[in-house]
Amino acid sequence: MLGLSVWSVSIILERKKFYRDQKSGSDAKKIRELIAGQKWSELLSFTSGKTDLISTSMHQLASAKSKNIGQKAEYFDRIFRSHVSANKTKMEKSFANLATLGANAPFIGLFGTVLGIIQAFAALGFESTGTGAVMSGISRSLVATAAGLFVAIPAVVAFNYFSKTLKELYAENDSLKDLFISNILD
């Protein structure tokens, strides 16, 4: 359980840094202003070299706009969707691990508890064993359940938090894409 706890914490810390960088690396307000003002070359230079999802998505759109290939909304929407899909694995990295830890760690702890109680009852079967030894065995076995919950609860909280953060990033990204497309069609 200690190993699972360390693994969970390492995932949480890595994802926390990743999403903090995603939020701070993008200046969505500035991007929104550039799109609304139809300042395509400024948008292209502002988003150049940035690595967050929103900036790179808008850079892809501004780059396509600068090539004057066409003004069809479907064209820009496909470029955008392709870019988001290509980054999906990076954005959702370790989500499955957190979900698995959150769902299964309590069962691992419960398994340890059941084994401990079985041992305590087996000890109770021996006449020379006092009730103090049996109670001690039962209390030790409950530590496994507590350890399972100790691993699971932070993993579930982190999974939910990161899922919400990712949905917010996707929503902001979609909003900017829609604003971009509506401004190129004017």
N, C-alpha and C. Protein backbone atom coordinates (compact mmCIF):
# COMPACT_ATOMS: atom_id res chain seq x y z
N MET A 1 0.82 -1.19 0.00
CA MET A 1 0.00 0.00 0.00
C MET A 1 0.86 1.26 0.00
N LEU A 2 1.98 1.17 0.67
CA LEU A 2 2.88 2.33 0.70
C LEU A 2 3.36 2.65 -0.71
N GLY A 3 3.70 1.63 -1.47
CA GLY A 3 4.14 1.84 -2.86
C GLY A 3 3.04 2.46 -3.70
N LEU A 4 1.79 1.99 -3.53
CA LEU A 4 0.67 2.57 -4.27
C LEU A 4 0.44 4.02 -3.88
N SER A 5 0.61 4.30 -2.60
CA SER A 5 0.45 5.67 -2.12
C SER A 5 1.50 6.59 -2.74
N VAL A 6 2.74 6.14 -2.77
CA VAL A 6 3.82 6.94 -3.37
C VAL A 6 3.55 7.14 -4.86
N TRP A 7 3.11 6.10 -5.53
CA TRP A 7 2.80 6.20 -6.96
C TRP A 7 1.67 7.20 -7.19
N SER A 8 0.62 7.11 -6.38
CA SER A 8 -0.50 8.03 -6.51
C SER A 8 -0.06 9.48 -6.29
N VAL A 9 0.71 9.72 -5.26
CA VAL A 9 1.18 11.09 -4.98
C VAL A 9 2.06 11.60 -6.11
N SER A 10 2.91 10.74 -6.67
CA SER A 10 3.77 11.19 -7.77
C SER A 10 2.94 11.56 -9.00
N ILE A 11 1.90 10.80 -9.28
CA ILE A 11 1.01 11.13 -10.40
C ILE A 11 0.31 12.45 -10.12
N ILE A 12 -0.19 12.61 -8.92
CA ILE A 12 -0.92 13.84 -8.56
C ILE A 12 -0.03 15.06 -8.70
N LEU A 13 1.20 14.97 -8.21
CA LEU A 13 2.12 16.11 -8.29
C LEU A 13 2.48 16.44 -9.74
N GLU A 14 2.72 15.41 -10.55
CA GLU A 14 3.07 15.63 -11.96
C GLU A 14 1.91 16.27 -12.70
N ARG A 15 0.70 15.76 -12.50
CA ARG A 15 -0.47 16.31 -13.18
C ARG A 15 -0.79 17.73 -12.69
N LYS A 16 -0.59 17.97 -11.40
CA LYS A 16 -0.84 19.31 -10.86
C LYS A 16 0.07 20.33 -11.54
N LYS A 17 1.34 19.99 -11.68
CA LYS A 17 2.29 20.88 -12.36
C LYS A 17 1.90 21.04 -13.82
N PHE A 18 1.55 19.95 -14.46
CA PHE A 18 1.17 19.99 -15.88
C PHE A 18 -0.01 20.92 -16.11
N TYR A 19 -1.06 20.78 -15.32
CA TYR A 19 -2.25 21.62 -15.51
C TYR A 19 -2.02 23.06 -15.07
N ARG A 20 -1.17 23.26 -14.09
CA ARG A 20 -0.80 24.64 -13.72
C ARG A 20 -0.10 25.30 -14.89
N ASP A 21 0.80 24.56 -15.55
CA ASP A 21 1.50 25.09 -16.72
C ASP A 21 0.53 25.33 -17.88
N GLN A 22 -0.46 24.45 -18.02
CA GLN A 22 -1.45 24.63 -19.08
C GLN A 22 -2.25 25.91 -18.87
N LYS A 23 -2.62 26.17 -17.61
CA LYS A 23 -3.42 27.36 -17.32
C LYS A 23 -2.59 28.64 -17.38
N SER A 24 -1.36 28.58 -16.86
CA SER A 24 -0.54 29.80 -16.82
C SER A 24 0.13 30.09 -18.15
N GLY A 25 0.36 29.06 -18.95
CA GLY A 25 1.03 29.26 -20.23
C GLY A 25 0.15 29.93 -21.26
N SER A 26 -1.12 29.85 -21.06
CA SER A 26 -2.07 30.42 -22.02
C SER A 26 -2.67 31.70 -21.46
N ASP A 27 -2.63 32.73 -22.25
CA ASP A 27 -3.30 33.97 -21.89
C ASP A 27 -4.54 34.06 -22.76
N ALA A 28 -5.59 33.34 -22.33
CA ALA A 28 -6.81 33.25 -23.13
C ALA A 28 -7.45 34.61 -23.36
N LYS A 29 -7.35 35.48 -22.38
CA LYS A 29 -7.94 36.81 -22.53
C LYS A 29 -7.27 37.58 -23.67
N LYS A 30 -5.95 37.53 -23.71
CA LYS A 30 -5.19 38.20 -24.77
C LYS A 30 -5.51 37.57 -26.13
N ILE A 31 -5.57 36.26 -26.17
CA ILE A 31 -5.90 35.55 -27.41
C ILE A 31 -7.30 35.95 -27.88
N ARG A 32 -8.23 36.03 -26.94
CA ARG A 32 -9.60 36.43 -27.28
C ARG A 32 -9.63 37.83 -27.89
N GLU A 33 -8.85 38.75 -27.31
CA GLU A 33 -8.79 40.12 -27.83
C GLU A 33 -8.20 40.16 -29.24
N LEU A 34 -7.16 39.38 -29.47
CA LEU A 34 -6.53 39.36 -30.79
C LEU A 34 -7.48 38.79 -31.84
N ILE A 35 -8.22 37.75 -31.46
CA ILE A 35 -9.18 37.17 -32.41
C ILE A 35 -10.30 38.16 -32.69
N ALA A 36 -10.84 38.77 -31.63
CA ALA A 36 -11.94 39.72 -31.81
C ALA A 36 -11.51 40.91 -32.68
N GLY A 37 -10.25 41.31 -32.53
CA GLY A 37 -9.73 42.41 -33.34
C GLY A 37 -9.24 41.98 -34.71
N GLN A 38 -9.35 40.69 -34.99
CA GLN A 38 -8.90 40.10 -36.25
C GLN A 38 -7.44 40.44 -36.54
N LYS A 39 -6.63 40.35 -35.51
CA LYS A 39 -5.20 40.62 -35.64
C LYS A 39 -4.49 39.26 -35.78
N TRP A 40 -4.60 38.71 -36.97
CA TRP A 40 -4.14 37.35 -37.21
C TRP A 40 -2.63 37.21 -37.09
N SER A 41 -1.86 38.15 -37.62
CA SER A 41 -0.40 38.03 -37.53
C SER A 41 0.07 38.20 -36.09
N GLU A 42 -0.59 39.08 -35.34
CA GLU A 42 -0.24 39.23 -33.92
C GLU A 42 -0.59 37.97 -33.14
N LEU A 43 -1.71 37.36 -33.49
CA LEU A 43 -2.11 36.10 -32.85
C LEU A 43 -1.07 35.02 -33.14
N LEU A 44 -0.64 34.97 -34.37
CA LEU A 44 0.36 33.98 -34.77
C LEU A 44 1.65 34.17 -33.99
N SER A 45 2.13 35.39 -33.87
CA SER A 45 3.39 35.63 -33.14
C SER A 45 3.20 35.47 -31.63
N PHE A 46 2.02 35.85 -31.10
CA PHE A 46 1.78 35.73 -29.66
C PHE A 46 1.76 34.27 -29.22
N THR A 47 1.21 33.40 -30.05
CA THR A 47 1.09 31.98 -29.68
C THR A 47 2.31 31.16 -30.10
N SER A 48 3.18 31.76 -30.86
CA SER A 48 4.37 31.04 -31.33
C SER A 48 5.27 30.65 -30.16
N GLY A 49 5.69 29.42 -30.14
CA GLY A 49 6.62 28.95 -29.13
C GLY A 49 5.98 28.51 -27.83
N LYS A 50 4.69 28.75 -27.65
CA LYS A 50 4.00 28.32 -26.43
C LYS A 50 3.64 26.85 -26.56
N THR A 51 3.53 26.19 -25.42
CA THR A 51 3.30 24.75 -25.44
C THR A 51 1.97 24.32 -24.84
N ASP A 52 1.19 25.26 -24.31
CA ASP A 52 -0.09 24.87 -23.73
C ASP A 52 -1.10 24.60 -24.83
N LEU A 53 -2.14 23.85 -24.50
CA LEU A 53 -3.13 23.41 -25.49
C LEU A 53 -3.82 24.58 -26.19
N ILE A 54 -4.25 25.56 -25.43
CA ILE A 54 -4.99 26.68 -26.02
C ILE A 54 -4.11 27.46 -26.99
N SER A 55 -2.92 27.80 -26.57
CA SER A 55 -2.03 28.58 -27.46
C SER A 55 -1.66 27.79 -28.71
N THR A 56 -1.36 26.51 -28.55
CA THR A 56 -0.97 25.73 -29.72
C THR A 56 -2.16 25.53 -30.66
N SER A 57 -3.35 25.37 -30.11
CA SER A 57 -4.55 25.24 -30.96
C SER A 57 -4.77 26.52 -31.75
N MET A 58 -4.69 27.64 -31.08
CA MET A 58 -4.91 28.93 -31.76
C MET A 58 -3.79 29.22 -32.75
N HIS A 59 -2.60 28.75 -32.44
CA HIS A 59 -1.47 28.93 -33.38
C HIS A 59 -1.74 28.13 -34.66
N GLN A 60 -2.27 26.93 -34.51
CA GLN A 60 -2.60 26.11 -35.68
C GLN A 60 -3.63 26.83 -36.56
N LEU A 61 -4.64 27.41 -35.93
CA LEU A 61 -5.68 28.11 -36.69
C LEU A 61 -5.13 29.37 -37.35
N ALA A 62 -4.34 30.14 -36.60
CA ALA A 62 -3.77 31.38 -37.16
C ALA A 62 -2.81 31.06 -38.29
N SER A 63 -2.08 29.97 -38.16
CA SER A 63 -1.16 29.56 -39.22
C SER A 63 -1.93 29.20 -40.49
N ALA A 64 -3.01 28.46 -40.32
CA ALA A 64 -3.84 28.10 -41.48
C ALA A 64 -4.45 29.36 -42.10
N LYS A 65 -4.87 30.28 -41.27
CA LYS A 65 -5.46 31.54 -41.77
C LYS A 65 -4.44 32.33 -42.57
N SER A 66 -3.20 32.34 -42.09
CA SER A 66 -2.15 33.12 -42.77
C SER A 66 -1.80 32.54 -44.14
N LYS A 67 -2.10 31.28 -44.36
CA LYS A 67 -1.81 30.65 -45.65
C LYS A 67 -2.90 30.92 -46.67
N ASN A 68 -3.99 31.55 -46.26
CA ASN A 68 -5.11 31.90 -47.14
C ASN A 68 -5.56 30.74 -48.01
N ILE A 69 -5.66 29.57 -47.41
CA ILE A 69 -6.07 28.38 -48.16
C ILE A 69 -7.57 28.41 -48.42
N GLY A 70 -8.32 28.97 -47.51
CA GLY A 70 -9.77 29.05 -47.67
C GLY A 70 -10.40 29.63 -46.42
N GLN A 71 -11.66 29.97 -46.54
CA GLN A 71 -12.35 30.58 -45.41
C GLN A 71 -13.48 29.70 -44.89
N LYS A 72 -13.51 28.43 -45.27
CA LYS A 72 -14.59 27.56 -44.84
C LYS A 72 -14.42 27.17 -43.38
N ALA A 73 -15.52 27.26 -42.64
CA ALA A 73 -15.51 26.94 -41.21
C ALA A 73 -15.11 25.48 -40.98
N GLU A 74 -15.56 24.60 -41.85
CA GLU A 74 -15.26 23.17 -41.69
C GLU A 74 -13.76 22.90 -41.76
N TYR A 75 -13.09 23.65 -42.60
CA TYR A 75 -11.65 23.49 -42.75
C TYR A 75 -10.94 23.80 -41.43
N PHE A 76 -11.28 24.93 -40.83
CA PHE A 76 -10.65 25.32 -39.57
C PHE A 76 -11.07 24.41 -38.42
N ASP A 77 -12.32 23.97 -38.45
CA ASP A 77 -12.79 23.06 -37.41
C ASP A 77 -12.04 21.74 -37.47
N ARG A 78 -11.77 21.25 -38.66
CA ARG A 78 -11.01 19.99 -38.80
C ARG A 78 -9.57 20.14 -38.32
N ILE A 79 -8.96 21.26 -38.64
CA ILE A 79 -7.60 21.52 -38.17
C ILE A 79 -7.59 21.53 -36.64
N PHE A 80 -8.56 22.22 -36.06
CA PHE A 80 -8.67 22.33 -34.61
C PHE A 80 -8.88 20.95 -33.98
N ARG A 81 -9.85 20.20 -34.46
CA ARG A 81 -10.16 18.87 -33.90
C ARG A 81 -8.96 17.94 -34.03
N SER A 82 -8.27 18.01 -35.14
CA SER A 82 -7.09 17.18 -35.33
C SER A 82 -6.02 17.51 -34.30
N HIS A 83 -5.83 18.79 -34.05
CA HIS A 83 -4.82 19.22 -33.08
C HIS A 83 -5.20 18.77 -31.66
N VAL A 84 -6.46 18.95 -31.29
CA VAL A 84 -6.91 18.54 -29.96
C VAL A 84 -6.79 17.03 -29.80
N SER A 85 -7.17 16.28 -30.83
CA SER A 85 -7.07 14.81 -30.77
C SER A 85 -5.62 14.36 -30.63
N ALA A 86 -4.73 15.03 -31.32
CA ALA A 86 -3.31 14.67 -31.24
C ALA A 86 -2.75 14.91 -29.85
N ASN A 87 -3.33 15.84 -29.11
CA ASN A 87 -2.85 16.16 -27.76
C ASN A 87 -3.64 15.47 -26.65
N LYS A 88 -4.66 14.72 -27.01
CA LYS A 88 -5.53 14.10 -26.02
C LYS A 88 -4.78 13.16 -25.08
N THR A 89 -3.90 12.35 -25.59
CA THR A 89 -3.15 11.42 -24.75
C THR A 89 -2.31 12.17 -23.73
N LYS A 90 -1.67 13.24 -24.16
CA LYS A 90 -0.84 14.04 -23.25
C LYS A 90 -1.71 14.70 -22.18
N MET A 91 -2.88 15.16 -22.58
CA MET A 91 -3.76 15.87 -21.64
C MET A 91 -4.36 14.91 -20.60
N GLU A 92 -4.63 13.67 -20.99
CA GLU A 92 -5.29 12.72 -20.10
C GLU A 92 -4.32 11.70 -19.50
N LYS A 93 -3.04 11.97 -19.61
CA LYS A 93 -2.03 11.04 -19.11
C LYS A 93 -2.28 10.71 -17.63
N SER A 94 -2.22 9.45 -17.30
CA SER A 94 -2.34 8.92 -15.94
C SER A 94 -3.73 9.01 -15.34
N PHE A 95 -4.74 9.45 -16.10
CA PHE A 95 -6.10 9.47 -15.58
C PHE A 95 -6.56 8.06 -15.23
N ALA A 96 -6.27 7.11 -16.10
CA ALA A 96 -6.68 5.73 -15.85
C ALA A 96 -6.00 5.17 -14.60
N ASN A 97 -4.74 5.55 -14.38
CA ASN A 97 -4.04 5.08 -13.18
C ASN A 97 -4.71 5.60 -11.91
N LEU A 98 -5.06 6.90 -11.90
CA LEU A 98 -5.72 7.47 -10.73
C LEU A 98 -7.09 6.82 -10.51
N ALA A 99 -7.83 6.60 -11.58
CA ALA A 99 -9.14 5.97 -11.46
C ALA A 99 -9.02 4.55 -10.93
N THR A 100 -8.03 3.81 -11.43
CA THR A 100 -7.82 2.44 -10.98
C THR A 100 -7.43 2.40 -9.51
N LEU A 101 -6.52 3.29 -9.12
CA LEU A 101 -6.13 3.34 -7.70
C LEU A 101 -7.32 3.70 -6.83
N GLY A 102 -8.09 4.69 -7.24
CA GLY A 102 -9.24 5.11 -6.45
C GLY A 102 -10.29 4.03 -6.32
N ALA A 103 -10.47 3.25 -7.36
CA ALA A 103 -11.50 2.22 -7.35
C ALA A 103 -11.05 0.94 -6.65
N ASN A 104 -9.76 0.62 -6.74
CA ASN A 104 -9.31 -0.69 -6.27
C ASN A 104 -8.54 -0.70 -4.96
N ALA A 105 -7.96 0.41 -4.56
CA ALA A 105 -7.19 0.43 -3.31
C ALA A 105 -8.04 0.03 -2.10
N PRO A 106 -9.30 0.47 -2.00
CA PRO A 106 -10.09 0.01 -0.85
C PRO A 106 -10.29 -1.50 -0.83
N PHE A 107 -10.40 -2.11 -2.01
CA PHE A 107 -10.57 -3.56 -2.06
C PHE A 107 -9.30 -4.29 -1.63
N ILE A 108 -8.16 -3.74 -1.99
CA ILE A 108 -6.90 -4.34 -1.54
C ILE A 108 -6.82 -4.25 -0.02
N GLY A 109 -7.19 -3.08 0.52
CA GLY A 109 -7.21 -2.92 1.97
C GLY A 109 -8.21 -3.86 2.63
N LEU A 110 -9.38 -4.01 2.02
CA LEU A 110 -10.39 -4.91 2.56
C LEU A 110 -9.90 -6.35 2.53
N PHE A 111 -9.19 -6.70 1.49
CA PHE A 111 -8.62 -8.06 1.40
C PHE A 111 -7.67 -8.31 2.57
N GLY A 112 -6.82 -7.31 2.86
CA GLY A 112 -5.91 -7.43 4.00
C GLY A 112 -6.66 -7.54 5.31
N THR A 113 -7.77 -6.82 5.43
CA THR A 113 -8.59 -6.89 6.64
C THR A 113 -9.21 -8.27 6.80
N VAL A 114 -9.74 -8.81 5.73
CA VAL A 114 -10.34 -10.14 5.79
C VAL A 114 -9.31 -11.18 6.18
N LEU A 115 -8.12 -11.11 5.58
CA LEU A 115 -7.07 -12.05 5.96
C LEU A 115 -6.70 -11.92 7.43
N GLY A 116 -6.61 -10.70 7.92
CA GLY A 116 -6.28 -10.48 9.33
C GLY A 116 -7.36 -11.00 10.27
N ILE A 117 -8.61 -10.83 9.89
CA ILE A 117 -9.71 -11.34 10.74
C ILE A 117 -9.72 -12.87 10.72
N ILE A 118 -9.44 -13.45 9.57
CA ILE A 118 -9.36 -14.92 9.50
C ILE A 118 -8.27 -15.42 10.44
N GLN A 119 -7.13 -14.75 10.43
CA GLN A 119 -6.04 -15.15 11.35
C GLN A 119 -6.46 -14.96 12.80
N ALA A 120 -7.18 -13.88 13.10
CA ALA A 120 -7.62 -13.64 14.47
C ALA A 120 -8.59 -14.71 14.93
N PHE A 121 -9.51 -15.10 14.06
CA PHE A 121 -10.45 -16.17 14.43
C PHE A 121 -9.75 -17.52 14.55
N ALA A 122 -8.74 -17.73 13.73
CA ALA A 122 -7.97 -18.96 13.84
C ALA A 122 -7.26 -19.00 15.19
N ALA A 123 -6.74 -17.84 15.60
CA ALA A 123 -6.08 -17.78 16.91
C ALA A 123 -7.08 -17.98 18.03
N LEU A 124 -8.31 -17.54 17.85
CA LEU A 124 -9.35 -17.71 18.85
C LEU A 124 -9.68 -19.19 19.05
N GLY A 125 -9.46 -19.97 17.99
CA GLY A 125 -9.72 -21.40 18.06
C GLY A 125 -8.77 -22.13 19.00
N PHE A 126 -7.61 -21.54 19.24
CA PHE A 126 -6.68 -22.15 20.18
C PHE A 126 -7.07 -21.70 21.59
N GLU A 127 -7.22 -22.65 22.49
CA GLU A 127 -7.68 -22.33 23.84
C GLU A 127 -6.68 -21.48 24.61
N SER A 128 -5.41 -21.58 24.27
CA SER A 128 -4.40 -20.85 25.04
C SER A 128 -4.32 -19.37 24.67
N THR A 129 -4.97 -18.99 23.58
CA THR A 129 -4.93 -17.61 23.12
C THR A 129 -6.01 -16.81 23.83
N GLY A 130 -5.61 -15.69 24.41
CA GLY A 130 -6.56 -14.83 25.11
C GLY A 130 -7.27 -13.89 24.16
N THR A 131 -8.34 -13.31 24.66
CA THR A 131 -9.11 -12.39 23.82
C THR A 131 -8.30 -11.15 23.47
N GLY A 132 -7.35 -10.77 24.30
CA GLY A 132 -6.50 -9.61 24.00
C GLY A 132 -5.71 -9.82 22.73
N ALA A 133 -5.19 -11.02 22.53
CA ALA A 133 -4.42 -11.32 21.32
C ALA A 133 -5.32 -11.30 20.09
N VAL A 134 -6.55 -11.79 20.25
CA VAL A 134 -7.49 -11.79 19.14
C VAL A 134 -7.87 -10.35 18.78
N MET A 135 -8.19 -9.54 19.76
CA MET A 135 -8.54 -8.14 19.51
C MET A 135 -7.38 -7.38 18.89
N SER A 136 -6.19 -7.69 19.33
CA SER A 136 -5.00 -7.05 18.75
C SER A 136 -4.87 -7.41 17.27
N GLY A 137 -5.13 -8.67 16.95
CA GLY A 137 -5.07 -9.12 15.56
C GLY A 137 -6.12 -8.44 14.69
N ILE A 138 -7.32 -8.30 15.25
CA ILE A 138 -8.40 -7.64 14.50
C ILE A 138 -8.07 -6.16 14.28
N SER A 139 -7.55 -5.51 15.31
CA SER A 139 -7.21 -4.08 15.15
C SER A 139 -6.10 -3.89 14.13
N ARG A 140 -5.12 -4.80 14.12
CA ARG A 140 -4.05 -4.70 13.11
C ARG A 140 -4.62 -4.92 11.71
N SER A 141 -5.59 -5.82 11.60
CA SER A 141 -6.15 -6.10 10.27
C SER A 141 -6.92 -4.90 9.73
N LEU A 142 -7.51 -4.11 10.59
CA LEU A 142 -8.25 -2.92 10.14
C LEU A 142 -7.32 -1.83 9.61
N VAL A 143 -6.06 -1.91 9.97
CA VAL A 143 -5.09 -0.96 9.44
C VAL A 143 -5.01 -1.08 7.91
N ALA A 144 -5.20 -2.29 7.40
CA ALA A 144 -5.17 -2.50 5.94
C ALA A 144 -6.31 -1.73 5.27
N THR A 145 -7.48 -1.73 5.87
CA THR A 145 -8.58 -0.97 5.30
C THR A 145 -8.28 0.52 5.32
N ALA A 146 -7.76 0.99 6.43
CA ALA A 146 -7.40 2.41 6.53
C ALA A 146 -6.36 2.78 5.48
N ALA A 147 -5.39 1.91 5.27
CA ALA A 147 -4.35 2.17 4.26
C ALA A 147 -4.96 2.23 2.86
N GLY A 148 -5.90 1.33 2.59
CA GLY A 148 -6.57 1.34 1.28
C GLY A 148 -7.32 2.64 1.05
N LEU A 149 -8.00 3.10 2.09
CA LEU A 149 -8.72 4.38 1.98
C LEU A 149 -7.74 5.55 1.86
N PHE A 150 -6.62 5.45 2.53
CA PHE A 150 -5.59 6.49 2.48
C PHE A 150 -5.05 6.65 1.06
N VAL A 151 -4.98 5.57 0.33
CA VAL A 151 -4.53 5.62 -1.07
C VAL A 151 -5.68 6.06 -1.98
N ALA A 152 -6.88 5.52 -1.74
CA ALA A 152 -8.00 5.74 -2.66
C ALA A 152 -8.55 7.16 -2.63
N ILE A 153 -8.74 7.72 -1.46
CA ILE A 153 -9.41 9.01 -1.36
C ILE A 153 -8.65 10.12 -2.10
N PRO A 154 -7.35 10.29 -1.87
CA PRO A 154 -6.64 11.33 -2.65
C PRO A 154 -6.66 11.06 -4.16
N ALA A 155 -6.59 9.78 -4.55
CA ALA A 155 -6.61 9.46 -5.98
C ALA A 155 -7.94 9.85 -6.61
N VAL A 156 -9.04 9.59 -5.93
CA VAL A 156 -10.36 9.93 -6.47
C VAL A 156 -10.54 11.45 -6.50
N VAL A 157 -10.14 12.13 -5.44
CA VAL A 157 -10.25 13.59 -5.41
C VAL A 157 -9.42 14.20 -6.54
N ALA A 158 -8.20 13.73 -6.71
CA ALA A 158 -7.33 14.25 -7.77
C ALA A 158 -7.91 13.95 -9.14
N PHE A 159 -8.40 12.74 -9.35
CA PHE A 159 -9.01 12.38 -10.64
C PHE A 159 -10.15 13.33 -10.97
N ASN A 160 -11.03 13.57 -10.01
CA ASN A 160 -12.16 14.46 -10.24
C ASN A 160 -11.70 15.90 -10.50
N TYR A 161 -10.72 16.35 -9.76
CA TYR A 161 -10.21 17.71 -9.94
C TYR A 161 -9.57 17.88 -11.33
N PHE A 162 -8.73 16.92 -11.71
CA PHE A 162 -8.07 17.02 -13.01
C PHE A 162 -9.06 16.86 -14.16
N SER A 163 -10.07 16.02 -13.99
CA SER A 163 -11.11 15.88 -15.02
C SER A 163 -11.85 17.19 -15.21
N LYS A 164 -12.18 17.86 -14.11
CA LYS A 164 -12.86 19.15 -14.17
C LYS A 164 -11.97 20.20 -14.83
N THR A 165 -10.70 20.21 -14.46
CA THR A 165 -9.76 21.17 -15.04
C THR A 165 -9.63 20.94 -16.54
N LEU A 166 -9.54 19.70 -16.96
CA LEU A 166 -9.43 19.38 -18.38
C LEU A 166 -10.69 19.80 -19.14
N LYS A 167 -11.86 19.57 -18.57
CA LYS A 167 -13.10 20.00 -19.21
C LYS A 167 -13.13 21.51 -19.37
N GLU A 168 -12.65 22.23 -18.37
CA GLU A 168 -12.59 23.69 -18.45
C GLU A 168 -11.64 24.15 -19.56
N LEU A 169 -10.48 23.48 -19.66
CA LEU A 169 -9.53 23.82 -20.73
C LEU A 169 -10.13 23.54 -22.10
N TYR A 170 -10.78 22.39 -22.25
CA TYR A 170 -11.41 22.06 -23.52
C TYR A 170 -12.52 23.06 -23.86
N ALA A 171 -13.31 23.46 -22.86
CA ALA A 171 -14.40 24.42 -23.09
C ALA A 171 -13.84 25.77 -23.53
N GLU A 172 -12.79 26.24 -22.86
CA GLU A 172 -12.18 27.52 -23.24
C GLU A 172 -11.59 27.43 -24.64
N ASN A 173 -10.95 26.33 -24.93
CA ASN A 173 -10.36 26.11 -26.25
C ASN A 173 -11.45 26.11 -27.32
N ASP A 174 -12.55 25.40 -27.08
CA ASP A 174 -13.67 25.37 -28.03
C ASP A 174 -14.27 26.77 -28.23
N SER A 175 -14.40 27.49 -27.13
CA SER A 175 -14.94 28.85 -27.21
C SER A 175 -14.07 29.75 -28.09
N LEU A 176 -12.77 29.65 -27.91
CA LEU A 176 -11.86 30.45 -28.73
C LEU A 176 -11.89 30.02 -30.19
N LYS A 177 -12.02 28.73 -30.42
CA LYS A 177 -12.13 28.24 -31.81
C LYS A 177 -13.37 28.79 -32.48
N ASP A 178 -14.49 28.76 -31.75
CA ASP A 178 -15.74 29.29 -32.31
C ASP A 178 -15.63 30.78 -32.59
N LEU A 179 -15.00 31.50 -31.69
CA LEU A 179 -14.79 32.93 -31.90
C LEU A 179 -13.90 33.17 -33.12
N PHE A 180 -12.85 32.37 -33.25
CA PHE A 180 -11.95 32.47 -34.40
C PHE A 180 -12.72 32.27 -35.70
N ILE A 181 -13.48 31.18 -35.75
CA ILE A 181 -14.20 30.86 -36.98
C ILE A 181 -15.24 31.93 -37.30
N SER A 182 -15.94 32.43 -36.29
CA SER A 182 -16.95 33.46 -36.56
C SER A 182 -16.28 34.75 -37.06
N ASN A 183 -15.07 35.03 -36.64
CA ASN A 183 -14.39 36.25 -37.09
C ASN A 183 -13.77 36.11 -38.47
N ILE A 184 -13.43 34.90 -38.89
CA ILE A 184 -12.88 34.78 -40.25
C ILE A 184 -13.97 34.77 -41.29
N LEU A 185 -15.21 34.47 -40.87
CA LEU A 185 -16.32 34.42 -41.80
C LEU A 185 -16.98 35.77 -42.02
N ASP A 186 -16.57 36.77 -41.25
CA ASP A 186 -17.14 38.13 -41.41
C ASP A 186 -16.79 38.74 -42.74
